[in-house]
Amino acid sequence: MSVSPVLQSLRTATADIHTAIETEADVERRLRDLAERPAMVGRFLVLHRAVEDAVAPWRAAFEADGYEPDRRSPLILAGLEALGAPTPAREPSVALPTYGEAIGWVYVAEGSMLGGRIMQKGMVRDGIPLTGLEFLDPWGDETGSRWRAFMRTMESACASGRATQDDVLKGGRDAFGVAFRLLV
């Protein structure tokens, strides 16, 4: 399957910060460690609430394109409660001036589900308890089809002029910046 030009540009534009998050945040190790897990789940709650709040004004545009951005924060909050951990404060809301920037933010959140699914499978394989981690793979076998639907939405929005590639790239970089700040 060929990679679309918008996706390839987005991957290139965010590669450095994506790699920095993977190496510096050490997410999987911190989620596997039962002592560190509550704090890490709390960080994910703050991140996903920030994305959901930023994207909220653009939900109708996504839905018009046949896609509904994920709302994982209730599932993450339930996980935090199962861990007996306090709920962290919300981040100040970010105003996204364009649909393209909102697409970039959703890219970061949706992409995290692909990684979450892999982490969860590894933990199951290794016998690690999953208390509080249901949010890692909320869509199960539907994760791939959701990702493809998001890719179609992104491509369609850029092809039609409802979004620009530059705005998508800016949104992706900005959202990864927030993820880095919150997860590292």
N, C-alpha and C. Protein backbone atom coordinates (compact mmCIF):
# COMPACT_ATOMS: atom_id res chain seq x y z
N MET A 1 0.84 -1.18 0.00
CA MET A 1 0.00 0.00 0.00
C MET A 1 0.89 1.24 0.00
N SER A 2 0.63 2.17 -0.89
CA SER A 2 1.44 3.38 -0.97
C SER A 2 1.02 4.38 0.11
N VAL A 3 2.00 5.16 0.54
CA VAL A 3 1.75 6.18 1.56
C VAL A 3 1.41 7.48 0.84
N SER A 4 0.35 8.11 1.30
CA SER A 4 -0.08 9.35 0.67
C SER A 4 0.97 10.46 0.88
N PRO A 5 1.00 11.43 -0.03
CA PRO A 5 1.95 12.53 0.13
C PRO A 5 1.74 13.33 1.43
N VAL A 6 0.48 13.52 1.83
CA VAL A 6 0.22 14.28 3.06
C VAL A 6 0.75 13.49 4.26
N LEU A 7 0.46 12.20 4.31
CA LEU A 7 0.94 11.39 5.42
C LEU A 7 2.46 11.35 5.43
N GLN A 8 3.07 11.18 4.29
CA GLN A 8 4.54 11.15 4.23
C GLN A 8 5.13 12.47 4.72
N SER A 9 4.55 13.59 4.31
CA SER A 9 5.02 14.89 4.78
C SER A 9 4.83 15.05 6.28
N LEU A 10 3.71 14.57 6.78
CA LEU A 10 3.42 14.66 8.21
C LEU A 10 4.41 13.81 9.01
N ARG A 11 4.67 12.62 8.54
CA ARG A 11 5.66 11.76 9.22
C ARG A 11 7.04 12.42 9.23
N THR A 12 7.43 12.99 8.10
CA THR A 12 8.73 13.64 8.01
C THR A 12 8.80 14.86 8.94
N ALA A 13 7.75 15.67 8.93
CA ALA A 13 7.73 16.90 9.73
C ALA A 13 7.72 16.64 11.22
N THR A 14 7.24 15.47 11.62
CA THR A 14 7.13 15.17 13.06
C THR A 14 8.08 14.07 13.52
N ALA A 15 8.92 13.59 12.63
CA ALA A 15 9.77 12.44 12.96
C ALA A 15 10.66 12.69 14.17
N ASP A 16 11.30 13.85 14.23
CA ASP A 16 12.23 14.11 15.33
C ASP A 16 11.52 14.11 16.68
N ILE A 17 10.40 14.81 16.77
CA ILE A 17 9.72 14.89 18.06
C ILE A 17 9.03 13.56 18.40
N HIS A 18 8.56 12.86 17.39
CA HIS A 18 7.97 11.54 17.63
C HIS A 18 9.03 10.60 18.21
N THR A 19 10.21 10.60 17.62
CA THR A 19 11.30 9.78 18.12
C THR A 19 11.71 10.21 19.53
N ALA A 20 11.74 11.50 19.77
CA ALA A 20 12.10 12.01 21.10
C ALA A 20 11.12 11.51 22.15
N ILE A 21 9.83 11.52 21.82
CA ILE A 21 8.83 11.01 22.77
C ILE A 21 9.07 9.53 23.03
N GLU A 22 9.27 8.76 21.96
CA GLU A 22 9.48 7.32 22.12
C GLU A 22 10.69 7.02 23.00
N THR A 23 11.77 7.76 22.82
CA THR A 23 12.99 7.45 23.56
C THR A 23 13.01 8.09 24.95
N GLU A 24 12.56 9.32 25.06
CA GLU A 24 12.67 10.03 26.33
C GLU A 24 11.52 9.76 27.30
N ALA A 25 10.33 9.51 26.79
CA ALA A 25 9.19 9.27 27.69
C ALA A 25 9.18 7.85 28.23
N ASP A 26 9.74 6.90 27.49
CA ASP A 26 9.81 5.53 27.94
C ASP A 26 8.43 5.04 28.41
N VAL A 27 7.42 5.32 27.59
CA VAL A 27 6.03 5.10 27.96
C VAL A 27 5.75 3.65 28.36
N GLU A 28 6.16 2.70 27.52
CA GLU A 28 5.81 1.32 27.82
C GLU A 28 6.41 0.87 29.15
N ARG A 29 7.65 1.17 29.40
CA ARG A 29 8.27 0.77 30.67
C ARG A 29 7.51 1.37 31.85
N ARG A 30 7.11 2.63 31.72
CA ARG A 30 6.42 3.31 32.82
C ARG A 30 5.00 2.77 33.01
N LEU A 31 4.37 2.30 31.95
CA LEU A 31 3.05 1.70 32.09
C LEU A 31 3.13 0.28 32.64
N ARG A 32 4.21 -0.42 32.34
CA ARG A 32 4.40 -1.76 32.87
C ARG A 32 4.69 -1.73 34.37
N ASP A 33 5.34 -0.69 34.83
CA ASP A 33 5.73 -0.55 36.24
C ASP A 33 4.50 -0.12 37.04
N LEU A 34 4.01 -1.00 37.90
CA LEU A 34 2.77 -0.72 38.64
C LEU A 34 2.89 0.50 39.54
N ALA A 35 4.10 0.83 39.97
CA ALA A 35 4.29 2.02 40.81
C ALA A 35 4.22 3.31 39.98
N GLU A 36 4.69 3.24 38.75
CA GLU A 36 4.69 4.43 37.88
C GLU A 36 3.43 4.58 37.05
N ARG A 37 2.68 3.50 36.91
CA ARG A 37 1.51 3.48 36.02
C ARG A 37 0.50 4.59 36.33
N PRO A 38 0.08 4.80 37.58
CA PRO A 38 -0.95 5.82 37.81
C PRO A 38 -0.55 7.21 37.31
N ALA A 39 0.68 7.61 37.56
CA ALA A 39 1.13 8.92 37.10
C ALA A 39 1.14 9.00 35.58
N MET A 40 1.56 7.90 34.94
CA MET A 40 1.62 7.90 33.48
C MET A 40 0.21 7.93 32.88
N VAL A 41 -0.71 7.18 33.46
CA VAL A 41 -2.09 7.20 32.98
C VAL A 41 -2.66 8.62 33.16
N GLY A 42 -2.33 9.26 34.26
CA GLY A 42 -2.76 10.64 34.48
C GLY A 42 -2.23 11.57 33.40
N ARG A 43 -1.00 11.37 32.99
CA ARG A 43 -0.42 12.19 31.91
C ARG A 43 -1.18 11.97 30.59
N PHE A 44 -1.55 10.71 30.34
CA PHE A 44 -2.33 10.42 29.13
C PHE A 44 -3.71 11.08 29.20
N LEU A 45 -4.29 11.11 30.38
CA LEU A 45 -5.59 11.78 30.52
C LEU A 45 -5.48 13.26 30.18
N VAL A 46 -4.47 13.91 30.70
CA VAL A 46 -4.28 15.33 30.41
C VAL A 46 -4.05 15.54 28.91
N LEU A 47 -3.25 14.70 28.30
CA LEU A 47 -2.98 14.81 26.86
C LEU A 47 -4.25 14.63 26.04
N HIS A 48 -4.99 13.57 26.31
CA HIS A 48 -6.18 13.30 25.48
C HIS A 48 -7.28 14.32 25.72
N ARG A 49 -7.40 14.81 26.93
CA ARG A 49 -8.36 15.89 27.16
C ARG A 49 -7.95 17.14 26.38
N ALA A 50 -6.66 17.43 26.34
CA ALA A 50 -6.18 18.60 25.59
C ALA A 50 -6.51 18.47 24.11
N VAL A 51 -6.29 17.27 23.56
CA VAL A 51 -6.60 17.05 22.15
C VAL A 51 -8.11 17.17 21.92
N GLU A 52 -8.89 16.51 22.75
CA GLU A 52 -10.35 16.54 22.58
C GLU A 52 -10.89 17.96 22.70
N ASP A 53 -10.39 18.73 23.66
CA ASP A 53 -10.84 20.12 23.82
C ASP A 53 -10.46 20.97 22.61
N ALA A 54 -9.23 20.78 22.11
CA ALA A 54 -8.77 21.57 20.97
C ALA A 54 -9.55 21.24 19.69
N VAL A 55 -9.90 19.98 19.52
CA VAL A 55 -10.57 19.52 18.30
C VAL A 55 -12.08 19.75 18.36
N ALA A 56 -12.63 19.92 19.55
CA ALA A 56 -14.09 20.01 19.71
C ALA A 56 -14.77 20.98 18.74
N PRO A 57 -14.24 22.19 18.53
CA PRO A 57 -14.93 23.09 17.59
C PRO A 57 -14.94 22.60 16.14
N TRP A 58 -14.14 21.62 15.84
CA TRP A 58 -14.03 21.09 14.47
C TRP A 58 -14.71 19.74 14.30
N ARG A 59 -15.40 19.25 15.33
CA ARG A 59 -16.05 17.94 15.24
C ARG A 59 -17.04 17.86 14.08
N ALA A 60 -17.81 18.91 13.87
CA ALA A 60 -18.79 18.89 12.77
C ALA A 60 -18.11 18.73 11.42
N ALA A 61 -16.95 19.37 11.24
CA ALA A 61 -16.21 19.24 9.98
C ALA A 61 -15.73 17.80 9.80
N PHE A 62 -15.22 17.20 10.87
CA PHE A 62 -14.80 15.79 10.78
C PHE A 62 -15.99 14.90 10.45
N GLU A 63 -17.09 15.11 11.15
CA GLU A 63 -18.27 14.27 10.93
C GLU A 63 -18.82 14.45 9.53
N ALA A 64 -18.75 15.66 8.98
CA ALA A 64 -19.18 15.89 7.60
C ALA A 64 -18.30 15.11 6.63
N ASP A 65 -17.06 14.87 7.02
CA ASP A 65 -16.15 14.07 6.21
C ASP A 65 -16.26 12.58 6.51
N GLY A 66 -17.23 12.22 7.37
CA GLY A 66 -17.46 10.81 7.65
C GLY A 66 -16.55 10.21 8.70
N TYR A 67 -16.00 11.04 9.56
CA TYR A 67 -15.08 10.55 10.57
C TYR A 67 -15.41 11.17 11.92
N GLU A 68 -15.37 10.37 12.97
CA GLU A 68 -15.61 10.89 14.31
C GLU A 68 -14.34 10.72 15.13
N PRO A 69 -13.67 11.84 15.48
CA PRO A 69 -12.46 11.72 16.29
C PRO A 69 -12.75 10.99 17.60
N ASP A 70 -11.76 10.22 18.01
CA ASP A 70 -11.89 9.42 19.22
C ASP A 70 -11.99 10.31 20.46
N ARG A 71 -12.76 9.85 21.42
CA ARG A 71 -12.85 10.49 22.74
C ARG A 71 -12.45 9.44 23.77
N ARG A 72 -11.16 9.35 23.98
CA ARG A 72 -10.66 8.34 24.90
C ARG A 72 -10.61 8.79 26.35
N SER A 73 -10.78 10.08 26.60
CA SER A 73 -10.61 10.56 27.98
C SER A 73 -11.54 9.88 28.98
N PRO A 74 -12.81 9.58 28.67
CA PRO A 74 -13.62 8.87 29.67
C PRO A 74 -13.05 7.50 30.03
N LEU A 75 -12.51 6.80 29.04
CA LEU A 75 -11.91 5.49 29.29
C LEU A 75 -10.63 5.63 30.11
N ILE A 76 -9.84 6.66 29.81
CA ILE A 76 -8.61 6.89 30.58
C ILE A 76 -8.96 7.28 32.01
N LEU A 77 -9.97 8.12 32.18
CA LEU A 77 -10.41 8.52 33.52
C LEU A 77 -10.87 7.30 34.31
N ALA A 78 -11.61 6.40 33.68
CA ALA A 78 -12.03 5.17 34.35
C ALA A 78 -10.82 4.34 34.77
N GLY A 79 -9.81 4.30 33.92
CA GLY A 79 -8.58 3.59 34.26
C GLY A 79 -7.87 4.21 35.43
N LEU A 80 -7.84 5.51 35.46
CA LEU A 80 -7.21 6.22 36.57
C LEU A 80 -7.95 5.94 37.87
N GLU A 81 -9.26 5.92 37.79
CA GLU A 81 -10.08 5.61 38.98
C GLU A 81 -9.84 4.17 39.43
N ALA A 82 -9.71 3.24 38.48
CA ALA A 82 -9.44 1.84 38.83
C ALA A 82 -8.09 1.70 39.53
N LEU A 83 -7.19 2.60 39.21
CA LEU A 83 -5.87 2.58 39.85
C LEU A 83 -5.88 3.32 41.19
N GLY A 84 -7.00 3.97 41.51
CA GLY A 84 -7.10 4.71 42.76
C GLY A 84 -6.26 5.98 42.77
N ALA A 85 -6.02 6.53 41.59
CA ALA A 85 -5.18 7.71 41.47
C ALA A 85 -6.03 8.97 41.33
N PRO A 86 -5.51 10.11 41.77
CA PRO A 86 -6.25 11.36 41.64
C PRO A 86 -6.33 11.81 40.18
N THR A 87 -7.34 12.60 39.89
CA THR A 87 -7.50 13.14 38.54
C THR A 87 -6.68 14.42 38.41
N PRO A 88 -5.76 14.46 37.45
CA PRO A 88 -4.95 15.66 37.28
C PRO A 88 -5.76 16.81 36.68
N ALA A 89 -5.27 18.03 36.87
CA ALA A 89 -5.92 19.21 36.31
C ALA A 89 -5.82 19.20 34.79
N ARG A 90 -6.80 19.83 34.16
CA ARG A 90 -6.82 19.96 32.70
C ARG A 90 -5.79 20.99 32.27
N GLU A 91 -5.34 20.84 31.06
CA GLU A 91 -4.51 21.84 30.40
C GLU A 91 -5.39 22.99 29.94
N PRO A 92 -4.85 24.19 29.87
CA PRO A 92 -5.64 25.27 29.24
C PRO A 92 -5.97 24.89 27.80
N SER A 93 -7.17 25.22 27.37
CA SER A 93 -7.61 24.85 26.03
C SER A 93 -6.82 25.62 24.97
N VAL A 94 -6.53 24.93 23.87
CA VAL A 94 -5.82 25.52 22.74
C VAL A 94 -6.85 25.77 21.63
N ALA A 95 -6.85 26.97 21.08
CA ALA A 95 -7.75 27.29 19.96
C ALA A 95 -7.03 26.97 18.65
N LEU A 96 -7.64 26.10 17.87
CA LEU A 96 -7.07 25.74 16.57
C LEU A 96 -7.81 26.53 15.49
N PRO A 97 -7.11 27.44 14.81
CA PRO A 97 -7.80 28.32 13.86
C PRO A 97 -8.22 27.67 12.55
N THR A 98 -7.69 26.48 12.25
CA THR A 98 -8.04 25.85 10.97
C THR A 98 -8.37 24.37 11.14
N TYR A 99 -9.15 23.88 10.22
CA TYR A 99 -9.48 22.46 10.18
C TYR A 99 -8.21 21.63 9.98
N GLY A 100 -7.30 22.12 9.17
CA GLY A 100 -6.05 21.41 8.94
C GLY A 100 -5.26 21.20 10.22
N GLU A 101 -5.21 22.22 11.07
CA GLU A 101 -4.51 22.07 12.34
C GLU A 101 -5.21 21.03 13.22
N ALA A 102 -6.53 21.03 13.21
CA ALA A 102 -7.28 20.03 13.97
C ALA A 102 -6.96 18.62 13.46
N ILE A 103 -6.84 18.48 12.15
CA ILE A 103 -6.47 17.18 11.58
C ILE A 103 -5.11 16.75 12.11
N GLY A 104 -4.16 17.66 12.17
CA GLY A 104 -2.84 17.34 12.71
C GLY A 104 -2.89 16.88 14.16
N TRP A 105 -3.74 17.51 14.95
CA TRP A 105 -3.90 17.10 16.36
C TRP A 105 -4.52 15.71 16.45
N VAL A 106 -5.52 15.45 15.61
CA VAL A 106 -6.16 14.13 15.64
C VAL A 106 -5.17 13.06 15.19
N TYR A 107 -4.31 13.38 14.24
CA TYR A 107 -3.28 12.45 13.79
C TYR A 107 -2.46 11.93 14.97
N VAL A 108 -2.08 12.81 15.85
CA VAL A 108 -1.27 12.42 17.01
C VAL A 108 -2.06 11.49 17.93
N ALA A 109 -3.31 11.85 18.22
CA ALA A 109 -4.13 11.03 19.12
C ALA A 109 -4.45 9.68 18.49
N GLU A 110 -4.85 9.68 17.23
CA GLU A 110 -5.20 8.42 16.57
C GLU A 110 -3.98 7.53 16.40
N GLY A 111 -2.86 8.13 16.08
CA GLY A 111 -1.63 7.35 15.93
C GLY A 111 -1.21 6.69 17.22
N SER A 112 -1.52 7.33 18.34
CA SER A 112 -1.14 6.73 19.63
C SER A 112 -1.88 5.43 19.88
N MET A 113 -3.04 5.25 19.25
CA MET A 113 -3.76 3.99 19.43
C MET A 113 -3.03 2.83 18.76
N LEU A 114 -2.35 3.11 17.67
CA LEU A 114 -1.59 2.05 17.01
C LEU A 114 -0.49 1.56 17.94
N GLY A 115 0.24 2.49 18.54
CA GLY A 115 1.29 2.13 19.49
C GLY A 115 0.72 1.49 20.75
N GLY A 116 -0.41 2.01 21.21
CA GLY A 116 -1.04 1.46 22.41
C GLY A 116 -1.44 0.02 22.23
N ARG A 117 -1.93 -0.29 21.05
CA ARG A 117 -2.35 -1.66 20.75
C ARG A 117 -1.15 -2.61 20.83
N ILE A 118 -0.03 -2.17 20.28
CA ILE A 118 1.18 -2.99 20.30
C ILE A 118 1.67 -3.17 21.73
N MET A 119 1.68 -2.08 22.51
CA MET A 119 2.12 -2.18 23.91
C MET A 119 1.23 -3.13 24.69
N GLN A 120 -0.07 -3.01 24.52
CA GLN A 120 -0.98 -3.85 25.28
C GLN A 120 -0.78 -5.33 24.93
N LYS A 121 -0.62 -5.63 23.66
CA LYS A 121 -0.38 -7.02 23.26
C LYS A 121 0.89 -7.56 23.92
N GLY A 122 1.94 -6.74 23.97
CA GLY A 122 3.18 -7.17 24.62
C GLY A 122 2.99 -7.42 26.11
N MET A 123 2.21 -6.57 26.76
CA MET A 123 1.96 -6.76 28.19
C MET A 123 1.15 -8.02 28.45
N VAL A 124 0.17 -8.28 27.60
CA VAL A 124 -0.62 -9.51 27.74
C VAL A 124 0.32 -10.72 27.58
N ARG A 125 1.13 -10.68 26.57
CA ARG A 125 2.07 -11.78 26.30
C ARG A 125 2.99 -12.02 27.50
N ASP A 126 3.41 -10.92 28.17
CA ASP A 126 4.35 -11.02 29.29
C ASP A 126 3.67 -11.18 30.64
N GLY A 127 2.33 -11.30 30.66
CA GLY A 127 1.62 -11.51 31.90
C GLY A 127 1.54 -10.28 32.80
N ILE A 128 1.67 -9.09 32.23
CA ILE A 128 1.59 -7.85 33.00
C ILE A 128 0.11 -7.53 33.21
N PRO A 129 -0.32 -7.26 34.44
CA PRO A 129 -1.73 -6.89 34.67
C PRO A 129 -2.07 -5.60 33.92
N LEU A 130 -3.28 -5.55 33.39
CA LEU A 130 -3.69 -4.40 32.56
C LEU A 130 -4.60 -3.41 33.29
N THR A 131 -4.66 -3.48 34.60
CA THR A 131 -5.53 -2.57 35.35
C THR A 131 -5.22 -1.13 34.96
N GLY A 132 -6.27 -0.42 34.55
CA GLY A 132 -6.13 0.99 34.18
C GLY A 132 -5.66 1.25 32.77
N LEU A 133 -5.41 0.22 32.01
CA LEU A 133 -4.83 0.40 30.67
C LEU A 133 -5.78 0.06 29.52
N GLU A 134 -7.06 -0.03 29.80
CA GLU A 134 -8.02 -0.37 28.76
C GLU A 134 -7.99 0.64 27.61
N PHE A 135 -7.57 1.86 27.90
CA PHE A 135 -7.53 2.92 26.89
C PHE A 135 -6.47 2.66 25.81
N LEU A 136 -5.53 1.78 26.06
CA LEU A 136 -4.47 1.55 25.08
C LEU A 136 -5.01 0.95 23.78
N ASP A 137 -6.04 0.15 23.87
CA ASP A 137 -6.58 -0.52 22.69
C ASP A 137 -8.11 -0.48 22.71
N PRO A 138 -8.68 0.72 22.66
CA PRO A 138 -10.13 0.83 22.83
C PRO A 138 -10.93 0.28 21.66
N TRP A 139 -10.34 0.17 20.50
CA TRP A 139 -11.09 -0.25 19.32
C TRP A 139 -10.78 -1.68 18.90
N GLY A 140 -9.83 -2.32 19.56
CA GLY A 140 -9.52 -3.71 19.23
C GLY A 140 -9.23 -3.90 17.76
N ASP A 141 -9.89 -4.88 17.17
CA ASP A 141 -9.65 -5.20 15.77
C ASP A 141 -10.11 -4.11 14.81
N GLU A 142 -10.84 -3.12 15.31
CA GLU A 142 -11.29 -2.01 14.46
C GLU A 142 -10.26 -0.88 14.37
N THR A 143 -9.16 -1.00 15.09
CA THR A 143 -8.14 0.06 15.11
C THR A 143 -7.64 0.37 13.70
N GLY A 144 -7.33 -0.65 12.94
CA GLY A 144 -6.82 -0.45 11.58
C GLY A 144 -7.82 0.23 10.67
N SER A 145 -9.07 -0.18 10.76
CA SER A 145 -10.08 0.45 9.90
C SER A 145 -10.32 1.90 10.31
N ARG A 146 -10.25 2.19 11.61
CA ARG A 146 -10.37 3.59 12.06
C ARG A 146 -9.22 4.42 11.51
N TRP A 147 -8.01 3.88 11.57
CA TRP A 147 -6.85 4.60 11.06
C TRP A 147 -7.01 4.89 9.57
N ARG A 148 -7.45 3.90 8.81
CA ARG A 148 -7.64 4.11 7.37
C ARG A 148 -8.73 5.14 7.11
N ALA A 149 -9.79 5.14 7.91
CA ALA A 149 -10.84 6.15 7.76
C ALA A 149 -10.30 7.54 8.04
N PHE A 150 -9.46 7.64 9.05
CA PHE A 150 -8.85 8.94 9.33
C PHE A 150 -7.95 9.38 8.17
N MET A 151 -7.18 8.46 7.62
CA MET A 151 -6.31 8.81 6.48
C MET A 151 -7.15 9.31 5.30
N ARG A 152 -8.27 8.65 5.03
CA ARG A 152 -9.15 9.10 3.94
C ARG A 152 -9.68 10.51 4.22
N THR A 153 -10.04 10.77 5.47
CA THR A 153 -10.54 12.10 5.85
C THR A 153 -9.47 13.15 5.63
N MET A 154 -8.25 12.86 6.08
CA MET A 154 -7.15 13.81 5.92
C MET A 154 -6.86 14.07 4.45
N GLU A 155 -6.78 13.02 3.67
CA GLU A 155 -6.49 13.17 2.24
C GLU A 155 -7.60 13.94 1.53
N SER A 156 -8.84 13.60 1.83
CA SER A 156 -9.98 14.27 1.21
C SER A 156 -10.01 15.75 1.55
N ALA A 157 -9.78 16.07 2.81
CA ALA A 157 -9.81 17.47 3.24
C ALA A 157 -8.73 18.28 2.54
N CYS A 158 -7.55 17.68 2.38
CA CYS A 158 -6.47 18.40 1.70
C CYS A 158 -6.72 18.49 0.19
N ALA A 159 -7.20 17.42 -0.41
CA ALA A 159 -7.47 17.42 -1.85
C ALA A 159 -8.56 18.41 -2.23
N SER A 160 -9.55 18.58 -1.34
CA SER A 160 -10.67 19.47 -1.64
C SER A 160 -10.40 20.93 -1.29
N GLY A 161 -9.31 21.18 -0.56
CA GLY A 161 -9.01 22.55 -0.14
C GLY A 161 -9.64 22.94 1.19
N ARG A 162 -10.36 22.00 1.84
CA ARG A 162 -10.93 22.31 3.15
C ARG A 162 -9.83 22.41 4.21
N ALA A 163 -8.68 21.84 3.90
CA ALA A 163 -7.52 21.91 4.77
C ALA A 163 -6.28 22.04 3.89
N THR A 164 -5.25 22.65 4.41
CA THR A 164 -3.98 22.71 3.67
C THR A 164 -2.97 21.79 4.34
N GLN A 165 -2.08 21.29 3.54
CA GLN A 165 -1.03 20.42 4.08
C GLN A 165 -0.20 21.18 5.11
N ASP A 166 0.10 22.43 4.85
CA ASP A 166 0.89 23.22 5.81
C ASP A 166 0.19 23.29 7.17
N ASP A 167 -1.12 23.48 7.17
CA ASP A 167 -1.86 23.53 8.43
C ASP A 167 -1.86 22.18 9.13
N VAL A 168 -2.00 21.10 8.37
CA VAL A 168 -1.96 19.76 8.97
C VAL A 168 -0.60 19.53 9.62
N LEU A 169 0.47 19.91 8.92
CA LEU A 169 1.82 19.74 9.47
C LEU A 169 2.01 20.57 10.74
N LYS A 170 1.52 21.81 10.72
CA LYS A 170 1.62 22.65 11.91
C LYS A 170 0.87 22.01 13.08
N GLY A 171 -0.35 21.55 12.83
CA GLY A 171 -1.13 20.91 13.88
C GLY A 171 -0.43 19.67 14.44
N GLY A 172 0.12 18.86 13.56
CA GLY A 172 0.84 17.66 14.01
C GLY A 172 2.05 18.00 14.86
N ARG A 173 2.83 18.98 14.41
CA ARG A 173 4.01 19.39 15.20
C ARG A 173 3.58 19.96 16.54
N ASP A 174 2.55 20.81 16.54
CA ASP A 174 2.09 21.41 17.80
C ASP A 174 1.58 20.36 18.77
N ALA A 175 0.79 19.41 18.27
CA ALA A 175 0.24 18.36 19.14
C ALA A 175 1.34 17.46 19.68
N PHE A 176 2.32 17.13 18.85
CA PHE A 176 3.45 16.35 19.35
C PHE A 176 4.23 17.14 20.40
N GLY A 177 4.31 18.46 20.22
CA GLY A 177 4.97 19.29 21.23
C GLY A 177 4.27 19.19 22.57
N VAL A 178 2.95 19.24 22.56
CA VAL A 178 2.17 19.09 23.79
C VAL A 178 2.39 17.69 24.37
N ALA A 179 2.35 16.67 23.51
CA ALA A 179 2.58 15.30 23.98
C ALA A 179 3.95 15.16 24.62
N PHE A 180 4.95 15.74 24.01
CA PHE A 180 6.29 15.67 24.58
C PHE A 180 6.33 16.32 25.96
N ARG A 181 5.78 17.50 26.06
CA ARG A 181 5.79 18.22 27.33
C ARG A 181 5.05 17.44 28.41
N LEU A 182 3.96 16.77 28.06
CA LEU A 182 3.16 16.08 29.05
C LEU A 182 3.65 14.67 29.39
N LEU A 183 4.27 14.00 28.45
CA LEU A 183 4.63 12.61 28.65
C LEU A 183 6.07 12.38 29.10
N VAL A 184 6.94 13.32 28.79
CA VAL A 184 8.36 13.12 29.12
C VAL A 184 8.63 13.50 30.56
